[in-house]
Amino acid sequence: MPRPEKARRTAQSGAPASPSRDASRRRVRCNALLLSFASFWAIGFGAWVVTAGARYREEYAQGMEGWRVGGMRSVELTLVKEDRNKLACASDQVIAGLRCGYRSNSQAAGPVSPDDPLLLQPYNTVGNELLLGAGLWKAADLKGSLPQTRFSVVCNFHTKGVMKSASIRFDATAPFASLGKSVPVGTLTDCVLPK
């Protein structure tokens, strides 16, 4: 019995607690601080993921709105006659047999001819939507003489897929520039010059 009595006297006299008690109190305090920090970090990370996801959806998903794989929509492309031989894309991805004329290392993936119905080229719509399309230059309206200034062509775009990593160029002597976003890929049919 003398030990509990001695411990009571030590606590009443204000003498320091034993080292083992101090260590256990520090551990409890440290664990609480660590738990608080981990919780704060997890909440911050979760908020970042949610806002980053919302920003991504706003930037890219809206650009793809209405572009459904297997769907068809009418597009009006803006062109100059030199685009036939200047436009190119680079990627190792093949979608429904459609491919870019260049590999991701910028080396030709085979013969590059705009008349190839499977060769993808980048085009902008009059609404400034980017797409990768194949078969444009096979249209009868584009075989004759073309306007000397910028003109538009209306086509049916059949969406075959989405390319997530590609590079494009709008001039044969320019380097390829990464897209940085997903773009629809498909074939262009029934293309006509608006009258």
N, C-alpha and C. Protein backbone atom coordinates (compact mmCIF):
# COMPACT_ATOMS: atom_id res chain seq x y z
N MET A 1 0.79 -1.21 0.00
CA MET A 1 0.00 0.00 0.00
C MET A 1 0.83 1.27 0.00
N PRO A 2 2.09 1.26 0.39
CA PRO A 2 2.81 2.51 0.42
C PRO A 2 2.98 3.11 -0.97
N ARG A 3 3.02 2.31 -2.00
CA ARG A 3 3.27 2.87 -3.33
C ARG A 3 2.13 3.76 -3.80
N PRO A 4 0.86 3.36 -3.76
CA PRO A 4 -0.19 4.25 -4.20
C PRO A 4 -0.24 5.52 -3.38
N GLU A 5 0.02 5.38 -2.11
CA GLU A 5 0.01 6.56 -1.25
C GLU A 5 1.12 7.51 -1.66
N LYS A 6 2.29 6.94 -1.97
CA LYS A 6 3.43 7.75 -2.41
C LYS A 6 3.11 8.45 -3.73
N ALA A 7 2.45 7.76 -4.65
CA ALA A 7 2.08 8.35 -5.93
C ALA A 7 1.09 9.48 -5.72
N ARG A 8 0.15 9.31 -4.73
CA ARG A 8 -0.82 10.36 -4.45
C ARG A 8 -0.10 11.59 -3.90
N ARG A 9 0.84 11.35 -3.03
CA ARG A 9 1.58 12.48 -2.46
C ARG A 9 2.38 13.20 -3.52
N THR A 10 2.97 12.46 -4.45
CA THR A 10 3.77 13.06 -5.52
C THR A 10 2.89 13.92 -6.40
N ALA A 11 1.69 13.43 -6.70
CA ALA A 11 0.78 14.20 -7.55
C ALA A 11 0.31 15.44 -6.82
N GLN A 12 0.06 15.35 -5.53
CA GLN A 12 -0.40 16.51 -4.77
C GLN A 12 0.70 17.52 -4.56
N SER A 13 1.91 17.07 -4.42
CA SER A 13 3.01 17.99 -4.14
C SER A 13 3.48 18.73 -5.38
N GLY A 14 2.98 18.36 -6.56
CA GLY A 14 3.38 19.05 -7.79
C GLY A 14 4.69 18.52 -8.36
N ALA A 15 5.15 17.41 -7.88
CA ALA A 15 6.38 16.83 -8.43
C ALA A 15 6.10 16.34 -9.83
N PRO A 16 7.11 16.33 -10.66
CA PRO A 16 6.91 15.90 -12.04
C PRO A 16 6.43 14.46 -12.12
N ALA A 17 5.58 14.19 -13.13
CA ALA A 17 5.07 12.84 -13.35
C ALA A 17 6.19 11.96 -13.86
N SER A 18 5.97 10.71 -13.79
CA SER A 18 7.01 9.77 -14.23
C SER A 18 7.25 9.89 -15.73
N PRO A 19 8.45 9.54 -16.20
CA PRO A 19 8.78 9.65 -17.63
C PRO A 19 7.85 8.83 -18.51
N SER A 20 7.37 7.71 -18.05
CA SER A 20 6.50 6.89 -18.88
C SER A 20 5.16 7.57 -19.12
N ARG A 21 4.66 8.31 -18.12
CA ARG A 21 3.41 9.05 -18.30
C ARG A 21 3.60 10.20 -19.28
N ASP A 22 4.71 10.92 -19.18
CA ASP A 22 5.00 12.01 -20.12
C ASP A 22 5.08 11.49 -21.55
N ALA A 23 5.71 10.36 -21.74
CA ALA A 23 5.85 9.78 -23.08
C ALA A 23 4.48 9.39 -23.64
N SER A 24 3.63 8.81 -22.80
CA SER A 24 2.31 8.41 -23.30
C SER A 24 1.46 9.63 -23.64
N ARG A 25 1.58 10.73 -22.84
CA ARG A 25 0.85 11.95 -23.16
C ARG A 25 1.33 12.55 -24.47
N ARG A 26 2.65 12.55 -24.70
CA ARG A 26 3.19 13.07 -25.97
C ARG A 26 2.69 12.25 -27.15
N ARG A 27 2.67 10.93 -26.97
CA ARG A 27 2.19 10.07 -28.05
C ARG A 27 0.73 10.37 -28.38
N VAL A 28 -0.08 10.55 -27.38
CA VAL A 28 -1.49 10.87 -27.59
C VAL A 28 -1.62 12.21 -28.30
N ARG A 29 -0.86 13.21 -27.85
CA ARG A 29 -0.90 14.54 -28.46
C ARG A 29 -0.37 14.47 -29.90
N CYS A 30 0.70 13.75 -30.10
CA CYS A 30 1.29 13.60 -31.45
C CYS A 30 0.31 12.89 -32.38
N ASN A 31 -0.33 11.83 -31.91
CA ASN A 31 -1.30 11.11 -32.73
C ASN A 31 -2.47 12.00 -33.10
N ALA A 32 -2.93 12.82 -32.15
CA ALA A 32 -4.04 13.73 -32.45
C ALA A 32 -3.63 14.77 -33.49
N LEU A 33 -2.42 15.32 -33.37
CA LEU A 33 -1.93 16.29 -34.35
C LEU A 33 -1.75 15.64 -35.72
N LEU A 34 -1.20 14.45 -35.73
CA LEU A 34 -1.00 13.74 -36.99
C LEU A 34 -2.34 13.43 -37.65
N LEU A 35 -3.30 13.00 -36.87
CA LEU A 35 -4.64 12.71 -37.40
C LEU A 35 -5.29 13.97 -37.94
N SER A 36 -5.14 15.09 -37.22
CA SER A 36 -5.70 16.36 -37.69
C SER A 36 -5.05 16.78 -39.00
N PHE A 37 -3.74 16.69 -39.08
CA PHE A 37 -3.03 17.06 -40.31
C PHE A 37 -3.45 16.17 -41.47
N ALA A 38 -3.53 14.86 -41.25
CA ALA A 38 -3.93 13.93 -42.32
C ALA A 38 -5.35 14.21 -42.78
N SER A 39 -6.24 14.53 -41.84
CA SER A 39 -7.62 14.85 -42.21
C SER A 39 -7.69 16.13 -43.03
N PHE A 40 -6.96 17.15 -42.59
CA PHE A 40 -6.92 18.42 -43.32
C PHE A 40 -6.38 18.21 -44.73
N TRP A 41 -5.31 17.42 -44.85
CA TRP A 41 -4.71 17.15 -46.16
C TRP A 41 -5.69 16.39 -47.05
N ALA A 42 -6.38 15.39 -46.51
CA ALA A 42 -7.34 14.59 -47.30
C ALA A 42 -8.50 15.46 -47.79
N ILE A 43 -8.98 16.37 -46.93
CA ILE A 43 -10.07 17.26 -47.34
C ILE A 43 -9.60 18.20 -48.45
N GLY A 44 -8.40 18.75 -48.29
CA GLY A 44 -7.84 19.64 -49.32
C GLY A 44 -7.64 18.91 -50.64
N PHE A 45 -7.11 17.70 -50.58
CA PHE A 45 -6.89 16.91 -51.79
C PHE A 45 -8.22 16.58 -52.46
N GLY A 46 -9.21 16.21 -51.67
CA GLY A 46 -10.54 15.91 -52.23
C GLY A 46 -11.14 17.11 -52.92
N ALA A 47 -11.01 18.30 -52.29
CA ALA A 47 -11.54 19.52 -52.90
C ALA A 47 -10.82 19.82 -54.21
N TRP A 48 -9.51 19.59 -54.24
CA TRP A 48 -8.73 19.82 -55.46
C TRP A 48 -9.18 18.88 -56.58
N VAL A 49 -9.39 17.60 -56.24
CA VAL A 49 -9.83 16.63 -57.25
C VAL A 49 -11.18 17.03 -57.83
N VAL A 50 -12.09 17.44 -56.97
CA VAL A 50 -13.43 17.82 -57.44
C VAL A 50 -13.36 19.04 -58.35
N THR A 51 -12.61 20.08 -57.96
CA THR A 51 -12.53 21.28 -58.79
C THR A 51 -11.75 21.03 -60.07
N ALA A 52 -10.69 20.22 -60.00
CA ALA A 52 -9.93 19.91 -61.21
C ALA A 52 -10.79 19.11 -62.18
N GLY A 53 -11.58 18.16 -61.65
CA GLY A 53 -12.47 17.38 -62.51
C GLY A 53 -13.53 18.24 -63.15
N ALA A 54 -14.05 19.18 -62.40
CA ALA A 54 -15.07 20.09 -62.95
C ALA A 54 -14.46 20.96 -64.05
N ARG A 55 -13.25 21.45 -63.81
CA ARG A 55 -12.58 22.27 -64.82
C ARG A 55 -12.31 21.44 -66.08
N TYR A 56 -11.86 20.18 -65.91
CA TYR A 56 -11.61 19.31 -67.06
C TYR A 56 -12.89 19.08 -67.85
N ARG A 57 -13.97 18.75 -67.14
CA ARG A 57 -15.24 18.50 -67.84
C ARG A 57 -15.70 19.75 -68.56
N GLU A 58 -15.54 20.91 -67.93
CA GLU A 58 -15.97 22.15 -68.56
C GLU A 58 -15.17 22.44 -69.83
N GLU A 59 -13.85 22.20 -69.76
CA GLU A 59 -12.99 22.53 -70.89
C GLU A 59 -13.11 21.52 -72.03
N TYR A 60 -13.12 20.23 -71.70
CA TYR A 60 -13.07 19.22 -72.74
C TYR A 60 -14.41 18.59 -73.06
N ALA A 61 -15.21 18.29 -72.07
CA ALA A 61 -16.47 17.61 -72.32
C ALA A 61 -17.42 18.50 -73.12
N GLN A 62 -17.45 19.79 -72.84
CA GLN A 62 -18.32 20.66 -73.61
C GLN A 62 -17.88 20.73 -75.06
N GLY A 63 -16.56 20.65 -75.29
CA GLY A 63 -16.06 20.66 -76.65
C GLY A 63 -16.50 19.41 -77.41
N MET A 64 -16.80 18.34 -76.69
CA MET A 64 -17.21 17.08 -77.31
C MET A 64 -18.72 16.90 -77.27
N GLU A 65 -19.44 17.90 -76.78
CA GLU A 65 -20.89 17.78 -76.64
C GLU A 65 -21.53 17.52 -78.01
N GLY A 66 -22.32 16.51 -78.07
CA GLY A 66 -23.00 16.18 -79.32
C GLY A 66 -22.19 15.26 -80.23
N TRP A 67 -20.93 15.01 -79.89
CA TRP A 67 -20.08 14.13 -80.70
C TRP A 67 -20.17 12.74 -80.07
N ARG A 68 -21.03 11.89 -80.58
CA ARG A 68 -21.18 10.56 -80.03
C ARG A 68 -20.61 9.53 -81.01
N VAL A 69 -19.82 8.60 -80.46
CA VAL A 69 -19.24 7.56 -81.30
C VAL A 69 -20.38 6.78 -81.95
N GLY A 70 -20.29 6.63 -83.25
CA GLY A 70 -21.33 5.96 -84.02
C GLY A 70 -22.37 6.94 -84.55
N GLY A 71 -22.31 8.18 -84.10
CA GLY A 71 -23.27 9.19 -84.54
C GLY A 71 -22.80 9.94 -85.77
N MET A 72 -23.70 10.70 -86.35
CA MET A 72 -23.39 11.51 -87.52
C MET A 72 -23.95 12.91 -87.30
N ARG A 73 -23.18 13.89 -87.70
CA ARG A 73 -23.67 15.27 -87.61
C ARG A 73 -23.11 16.06 -88.78
N SER A 74 -23.82 17.09 -89.14
CA SER A 74 -23.40 17.96 -90.22
C SER A 74 -22.40 18.97 -89.67
N VAL A 75 -21.29 19.16 -90.38
CA VAL A 75 -20.28 20.12 -89.97
C VAL A 75 -19.95 21.04 -91.14
N GLU A 76 -19.61 22.28 -90.81
CA GLU A 76 -19.15 23.22 -91.84
C GLU A 76 -17.70 23.55 -91.51
N LEU A 77 -16.81 23.08 -92.39
CA LEU A 77 -15.37 23.26 -92.19
C LEU A 77 -14.89 24.51 -92.90
N THR A 78 -13.90 25.16 -92.32
CA THR A 78 -13.29 26.31 -92.96
C THR A 78 -11.93 25.91 -93.51
N LEU A 79 -11.69 26.24 -94.80
CA LEU A 79 -10.50 25.76 -95.50
C LEU A 79 -9.89 26.83 -96.40
N VAL A 80 -8.66 26.58 -96.81
CA VAL A 80 -8.05 27.25 -97.96
C VAL A 80 -7.58 26.13 -98.86
N LYS A 81 -7.44 26.38 -100.15
CA LYS A 81 -7.15 25.28 -101.08
C LYS A 81 -5.82 24.59 -100.79
N GLU A 82 -4.87 25.31 -100.17
CA GLU A 82 -3.57 24.73 -99.86
C GLU A 82 -3.63 23.71 -98.72
N ASP A 83 -4.74 23.68 -97.98
CA ASP A 83 -4.88 22.75 -96.85
C ASP A 83 -4.76 21.30 -97.30
N ARG A 84 -5.09 21.02 -98.52
CA ARG A 84 -5.03 19.66 -99.04
C ARG A 84 -3.68 19.00 -98.75
N ASN A 85 -2.60 19.75 -98.96
CA ASN A 85 -1.26 19.19 -98.78
C ASN A 85 -0.54 19.70 -97.54
N LYS A 86 -1.15 20.63 -96.80
CA LYS A 86 -0.47 21.21 -95.63
C LYS A 86 -0.90 20.60 -94.30
N LEU A 87 -2.14 20.15 -94.20
CA LEU A 87 -2.66 19.66 -92.93
C LEU A 87 -2.18 18.24 -92.65
N ALA A 88 -1.78 18.00 -91.38
CA ALA A 88 -1.32 16.65 -91.00
C ALA A 88 -1.45 16.46 -89.50
N CYS A 89 -1.55 15.19 -89.11
CA CYS A 89 -1.54 14.85 -87.69
C CYS A 89 -0.54 13.73 -87.46
N ALA A 90 -0.10 13.61 -86.22
CA ALA A 90 0.87 12.58 -85.84
C ALA A 90 0.36 11.85 -84.60
N SER A 91 0.25 10.53 -84.71
CA SER A 91 -0.18 9.70 -83.59
C SER A 91 0.04 8.23 -83.97
N ASP A 92 0.26 7.40 -82.97
CA ASP A 92 0.37 5.96 -83.20
C ASP A 92 -0.99 5.27 -83.10
N GLN A 93 -1.99 6.01 -82.69
CA GLN A 93 -3.33 5.45 -82.49
C GLN A 93 -4.04 5.25 -83.83
N VAL A 94 -4.70 4.12 -84.00
CA VAL A 94 -5.53 3.84 -85.17
C VAL A 94 -6.95 3.60 -84.67
N ILE A 95 -7.91 4.31 -85.24
CA ILE A 95 -9.31 4.19 -84.81
C ILE A 95 -10.16 3.80 -86.01
N ALA A 96 -10.77 2.63 -85.94
CA ALA A 96 -11.64 2.11 -87.01
C ALA A 96 -10.92 2.16 -88.36
N GLY A 97 -9.64 1.86 -88.36
CA GLY A 97 -8.85 1.86 -89.60
C GLY A 97 -8.33 3.23 -90.01
N LEU A 98 -8.78 4.30 -89.33
CA LEU A 98 -8.35 5.66 -89.65
C LEU A 98 -7.05 5.96 -88.90
N ARG A 99 -6.10 6.58 -89.60
CA ARG A 99 -4.80 6.85 -88.98
C ARG A 99 -4.26 8.18 -89.43
N CYS A 100 -3.37 8.72 -88.62
CA CYS A 100 -2.65 9.93 -89.00
C CYS A 100 -1.56 9.56 -90.01
N GLY A 101 -1.10 10.53 -90.77
CA GLY A 101 -0.04 10.28 -91.76
C GLY A 101 1.33 10.12 -91.14
N TYR A 102 1.45 10.51 -89.85
CA TYR A 102 2.74 10.45 -89.18
C TYR A 102 2.60 9.77 -87.84
N ARG A 103 3.67 9.11 -87.43
CA ARG A 103 3.70 8.48 -86.11
C ARG A 103 3.97 9.55 -85.05
N SER A 104 3.88 9.18 -83.79
CA SER A 104 4.08 10.15 -82.71
C SER A 104 5.51 10.70 -82.69
N ASN A 105 6.47 9.99 -83.33
CA ASN A 105 7.84 10.50 -83.41
C ASN A 105 8.04 11.39 -84.65
N SER A 106 6.96 11.78 -85.32
CA SER A 106 6.94 12.67 -86.49
C SER A 106 7.49 12.03 -87.77
N GLN A 107 7.69 10.73 -87.77
CA GLN A 107 8.12 10.01 -88.97
C GLN A 107 6.88 9.55 -89.74
N ALA A 108 6.96 9.60 -91.08
CA ALA A 108 5.82 9.18 -91.91
C ALA A 108 5.43 7.74 -91.60
N ALA A 109 4.12 7.51 -91.52
CA ALA A 109 3.59 6.18 -91.20
C ALA A 109 3.32 5.38 -92.47
N GLY A 110 3.79 5.84 -93.59
CA GLY A 110 3.55 5.21 -94.88
C GLY A 110 3.30 6.30 -95.90
N PRO A 111 2.76 5.94 -97.06
CA PRO A 111 2.47 6.96 -98.05
C PRO A 111 1.44 7.97 -97.51
N VAL A 112 1.74 9.26 -97.67
CA VAL A 112 0.85 10.31 -97.18
C VAL A 112 0.20 10.98 -98.38
N SER A 113 -1.06 10.63 -98.63
CA SER A 113 -1.80 11.20 -99.75
C SER A 113 -3.16 11.67 -99.25
N PRO A 114 -3.52 12.93 -99.49
CA PRO A 114 -4.83 13.41 -99.04
C PRO A 114 -5.99 12.67 -99.69
N ASP A 115 -5.74 11.95 -100.79
CA ASP A 115 -6.79 11.17 -101.45
C ASP A 115 -7.05 9.84 -100.74
N ASP A 116 -6.16 9.47 -99.79
CA ASP A 116 -6.34 8.24 -99.03
C ASP A 116 -7.59 8.38 -98.15
N PRO A 117 -8.61 7.54 -98.32
CA PRO A 117 -9.85 7.70 -97.55
C PRO A 117 -9.70 7.36 -96.06
N LEU A 118 -8.53 6.82 -95.66
CA LEU A 118 -8.30 6.47 -94.26
C LEU A 118 -7.32 7.43 -93.56
N LEU A 119 -6.82 8.42 -94.30
CA LEU A 119 -5.84 9.35 -93.75
C LEU A 119 -6.52 10.50 -93.02
N LEU A 120 -6.21 10.67 -91.76
CA LEU A 120 -6.79 11.74 -90.94
C LEU A 120 -6.03 13.05 -91.14
N GLN A 121 -6.78 14.14 -91.16
CA GLN A 121 -6.22 15.49 -91.19
C GLN A 121 -7.01 16.35 -90.22
N PRO A 122 -6.36 17.36 -89.63
CA PRO A 122 -7.09 18.23 -88.69
C PRO A 122 -7.88 19.32 -89.42
N TYR A 123 -9.09 19.54 -88.99
CA TYR A 123 -9.94 20.59 -89.58
C TYR A 123 -10.63 21.36 -88.46
N ASN A 124 -10.87 22.63 -88.72
CA ASN A 124 -11.65 23.47 -87.81
C ASN A 124 -13.00 23.74 -88.45
N THR A 125 -14.03 23.71 -87.63
CA THR A 125 -15.35 24.09 -88.13
C THR A 125 -15.47 25.61 -88.06
N VAL A 126 -16.49 26.16 -88.67
CA VAL A 126 -16.70 27.61 -88.60
C VAL A 126 -16.98 28.04 -87.16
N GLY A 127 -17.40 27.12 -86.32
CA GLY A 127 -17.61 27.39 -84.90
C GLY A 127 -16.36 27.15 -84.07
N ASN A 128 -15.21 26.98 -84.75
CA ASN A 128 -13.89 26.78 -84.12
C ASN A 128 -13.82 25.49 -83.29
N GLU A 129 -14.47 24.42 -83.76
CA GLU A 129 -14.35 23.11 -83.14
C GLU A 129 -13.34 22.32 -83.96
N LEU A 130 -12.38 21.71 -83.29
CA LEU A 130 -11.34 20.94 -83.97
C LEU A 130 -11.78 19.49 -84.08
N LEU A 131 -11.52 18.87 -85.22
CA LEU A 131 -11.80 17.46 -85.42
C LEU A 131 -10.73 16.88 -86.33
N LEU A 132 -10.58 15.57 -86.28
CA LEU A 132 -9.69 14.85 -87.20
C LEU A 132 -10.58 14.06 -88.14
N GLY A 133 -10.53 14.39 -89.42
CA GLY A 133 -11.41 13.76 -90.39
C GLY A 133 -10.65 13.14 -91.55
N ALA A 134 -11.27 12.17 -92.18
CA ALA A 134 -10.68 11.49 -93.34
C ALA A 134 -11.70 11.48 -94.47
N GLY A 135 -11.21 11.57 -95.71
CA GLY A 135 -12.06 11.45 -96.89
C GLY A 135 -12.56 12.76 -97.47
N LEU A 136 -12.18 13.90 -96.92
CA LEU A 136 -12.68 15.18 -97.41
C LEU A 136 -12.34 15.42 -98.87
N TRP A 137 -11.10 15.16 -99.25
CA TRP A 137 -10.62 15.54 -100.58
C TRP A 137 -11.10 14.59 -101.68
N LYS A 138 -11.89 13.57 -101.33
CA LYS A 138 -12.49 12.69 -102.34
C LYS A 138 -13.79 13.26 -102.88
N ALA A 139 -14.32 14.30 -102.23
CA ALA A 139 -15.60 14.89 -102.64
C ALA A 139 -15.49 15.50 -104.03
N ALA A 140 -16.53 15.31 -104.84
CA ALA A 140 -16.54 15.81 -106.22
C ALA A 140 -16.39 17.34 -106.26
N ASP A 141 -17.02 18.04 -105.32
CA ASP A 141 -16.95 19.51 -105.31
C ASP A 141 -15.53 20.02 -105.06
N LEU A 142 -14.67 19.19 -104.47
CA LEU A 142 -13.30 19.63 -104.16
C LEU A 142 -12.29 19.18 -105.21
N LYS A 143 -12.76 18.51 -106.26
CA LYS A 143 -11.86 18.05 -107.33
C LYS A 143 -11.57 19.14 -108.35
N GLY A 144 -12.49 20.06 -108.54
CA GLY A 144 -12.32 21.12 -109.53
C GLY A 144 -11.51 22.28 -108.96
N SER A 145 -11.66 23.44 -109.59
CA SER A 145 -10.94 24.62 -109.10
C SER A 145 -11.62 25.13 -107.83
N LEU A 146 -10.80 25.50 -106.88
CA LEU A 146 -11.30 25.95 -105.59
C LEU A 146 -11.12 27.46 -105.45
N PRO A 147 -11.89 28.10 -104.59
CA PRO A 147 -11.76 29.55 -104.39
C PRO A 147 -10.34 29.93 -103.96
N GLN A 148 -9.91 31.11 -104.33
CA GLN A 148 -8.57 31.59 -103.99
C GLN A 148 -8.48 32.05 -102.53
N THR A 149 -9.60 32.41 -101.94
CA THR A 149 -9.63 32.87 -100.55
C THR A 149 -10.21 31.77 -99.66
N ARG A 150 -10.27 32.03 -98.37
CA ARG A 150 -10.83 31.06 -97.43
C ARG A 150 -12.29 30.76 -97.79
N PHE A 151 -12.66 29.50 -97.72
CA PHE A 151 -14.02 29.08 -98.05
C PHE A 151 -14.47 28.01 -97.06
N SER A 152 -15.73 27.65 -97.13
CA SER A 152 -16.24 26.60 -96.23
C SER A 152 -16.83 25.46 -97.05
N VAL A 153 -16.85 24.30 -96.42
CA VAL A 153 -17.39 23.07 -97.01
C VAL A 153 -18.31 22.44 -95.97
N VAL A 154 -19.48 22.00 -96.41
CA VAL A 154 -20.43 21.33 -95.51
C VAL A 154 -20.35 19.84 -95.77
N CYS A 155 -20.14 19.05 -94.69
CA CYS A 155 -20.00 17.59 -94.81
C CYS A 155 -20.81 16.90 -93.71
N ASN A 156 -21.03 15.62 -93.92
CA ASN A 156 -21.55 14.76 -92.86
C ASN A 156 -20.33 14.13 -92.18
N PHE A 157 -20.24 14.30 -90.87
CA PHE A 157 -19.13 13.74 -90.10
C PHE A 157 -19.63 12.55 -89.33
N HIS A 158 -19.06 11.37 -89.62
CA HIS A 158 -19.42 10.12 -88.95
C HIS A 158 -18.38 9.85 -87.88
N THR A 159 -18.73 10.03 -86.61
CA THR A 159 -17.78 9.88 -85.51
C THR A 159 -17.44 8.41 -85.28
N LYS A 160 -16.15 8.11 -85.38
CA LYS A 160 -15.67 6.73 -85.18
C LYS A 160 -15.01 6.53 -83.83
N GLY A 161 -14.58 7.63 -83.20
CA GLY A 161 -13.92 7.52 -81.90
C GLY A 161 -13.38 8.86 -81.46
N VAL A 162 -12.54 8.81 -80.45
CA VAL A 162 -11.93 10.01 -79.88
C VAL A 162 -10.44 9.77 -79.76
N MET A 163 -9.65 10.72 -80.23
CA MET A 163 -8.20 10.61 -80.10
C MET A 163 -7.77 11.49 -78.94
N LYS A 164 -7.05 10.88 -78.01
CA LYS A 164 -6.67 11.59 -76.80
C LYS A 164 -5.25 12.11 -76.84
N SER A 165 -4.41 11.52 -77.65
CA SER A 165 -3.02 11.99 -77.70
C SER A 165 -2.59 12.05 -79.16
N ALA A 166 -2.51 13.23 -79.67
CA ALA A 166 -2.08 13.44 -81.05
C ALA A 166 -1.43 14.80 -81.15
N SER A 167 -0.70 14.98 -82.23
CA SER A 167 -0.10 16.28 -82.54
C SER A 167 -0.59 16.66 -83.93
N ILE A 168 -0.72 17.96 -84.18
CA ILE A 168 -1.20 18.42 -85.48
C ILE A 168 -0.33 19.55 -85.99
N ARG A 169 -0.45 19.78 -87.28
CA ARG A 169 0.18 20.97 -87.88
C ARG A 169 -0.70 21.44 -89.02
N PHE A 170 -0.66 22.75 -89.26
CA PHE A 170 -1.47 23.35 -90.32
C PHE A 170 -0.61 23.86 -91.46
N ASP A 171 0.69 23.49 -91.45
CA ASP A 171 1.61 23.87 -92.52
C ASP A 171 2.64 22.76 -92.64
N ALA A 172 2.96 22.35 -93.85
CA ALA A 172 3.88 21.23 -94.08
C ALA A 172 5.28 21.49 -93.53
N THR A 173 5.67 22.76 -93.37
CA THR A 173 7.01 23.06 -92.87
C THR A 173 7.02 23.33 -91.36
N ALA A 174 5.85 23.40 -90.74
CA ALA A 174 5.76 23.69 -89.30
C ALA A 174 5.97 22.41 -88.49
N PRO A 175 6.47 22.56 -87.26
CA PRO A 175 6.58 21.38 -86.39
C PRO A 175 5.20 20.97 -85.88
N PHE A 176 5.08 19.73 -85.47
CA PHE A 176 3.83 19.25 -84.89
C PHE A 176 3.65 19.84 -83.49
N ALA A 177 2.43 20.23 -83.17
CA ALA A 177 2.09 20.76 -81.85
C ALA A 177 1.08 19.82 -81.19
N SER A 178 1.30 19.50 -79.93
CA SER A 178 0.41 18.60 -79.20
C SER A 178 -0.97 19.22 -79.04
N LEU A 179 -1.99 18.39 -79.18
CA LEU A 179 -3.37 18.87 -79.04
C LEU A 179 -3.69 19.29 -77.61
N GLY A 180 -3.28 18.49 -76.65
CA GLY A 180 -3.56 18.80 -75.26
C GLY A 180 -5.01 18.56 -74.85
N LYS A 181 -5.81 17.97 -75.72
CA LYS A 181 -7.19 17.65 -75.39
C LYS A 181 -7.68 16.53 -76.31
N SER A 182 -8.83 15.99 -75.99
CA SER A 182 -9.42 14.94 -76.82
C SER A 182 -10.19 15.57 -77.97
N VAL A 183 -10.11 14.94 -79.15
CA VAL A 183 -10.85 15.44 -80.31
C VAL A 183 -11.57 14.27 -80.99
N PRO A 184 -12.72 14.56 -81.61
CA PRO A 184 -13.44 13.50 -82.32
C PRO A 184 -12.71 13.11 -83.60
N VAL A 185 -12.81 11.83 -83.93
CA VAL A 185 -12.19 11.27 -85.12
C VAL A 185 -13.28 10.62 -85.94
N GLY A 186 -13.25 10.83 -87.27
CA GLY A 186 -14.27 10.20 -88.10
C GLY A 186 -14.06 10.44 -89.58
N THR A 187 -15.06 10.04 -90.34
CA THR A 187 -15.00 10.20 -91.79
C THR A 187 -15.92 11.33 -92.22
N LEU A 188 -15.52 11.99 -93.30
CA LEU A 188 -16.29 13.09 -93.89
C LEU A 188 -16.88 12.61 -95.20
N THR A 189 -18.20 12.69 -95.33
CA THR A 189 -18.87 12.24 -96.54
C THR A 189 -19.84 13.33 -97.04
N ASP A 190 -20.26 13.18 -98.28
CA ASP A 190 -21.26 14.08 -98.88
C ASP A 190 -20.87 15.55 -98.77
N CYS A 191 -19.58 15.85 -98.96
CA CYS A 191 -19.09 17.22 -98.79
C CYS A 191 -19.44 18.08 -100.01
N VAL A 192 -19.98 19.27 -99.77
CA VAL A 192 -20.34 20.19 -100.83
C VAL A 192 -19.94 21.60 -100.46
N LEU A 193 -19.65 22.40 -101.49
CA LEU A 193 -19.39 23.82 -101.28
C LEU A 193 -20.74 24.52 -101.20
N PRO A 194 -21.00 25.27 -100.14
CA PRO A 194 -22.30 25.98 -100.06
C PRO A 194 -22.44 26.97 -101.20
N LYS A 195 -23.62 27.07 -101.76
CA LYS A 195 -23.85 27.99 -102.88
C LYS A 195 -24.55 29.22 -102.39
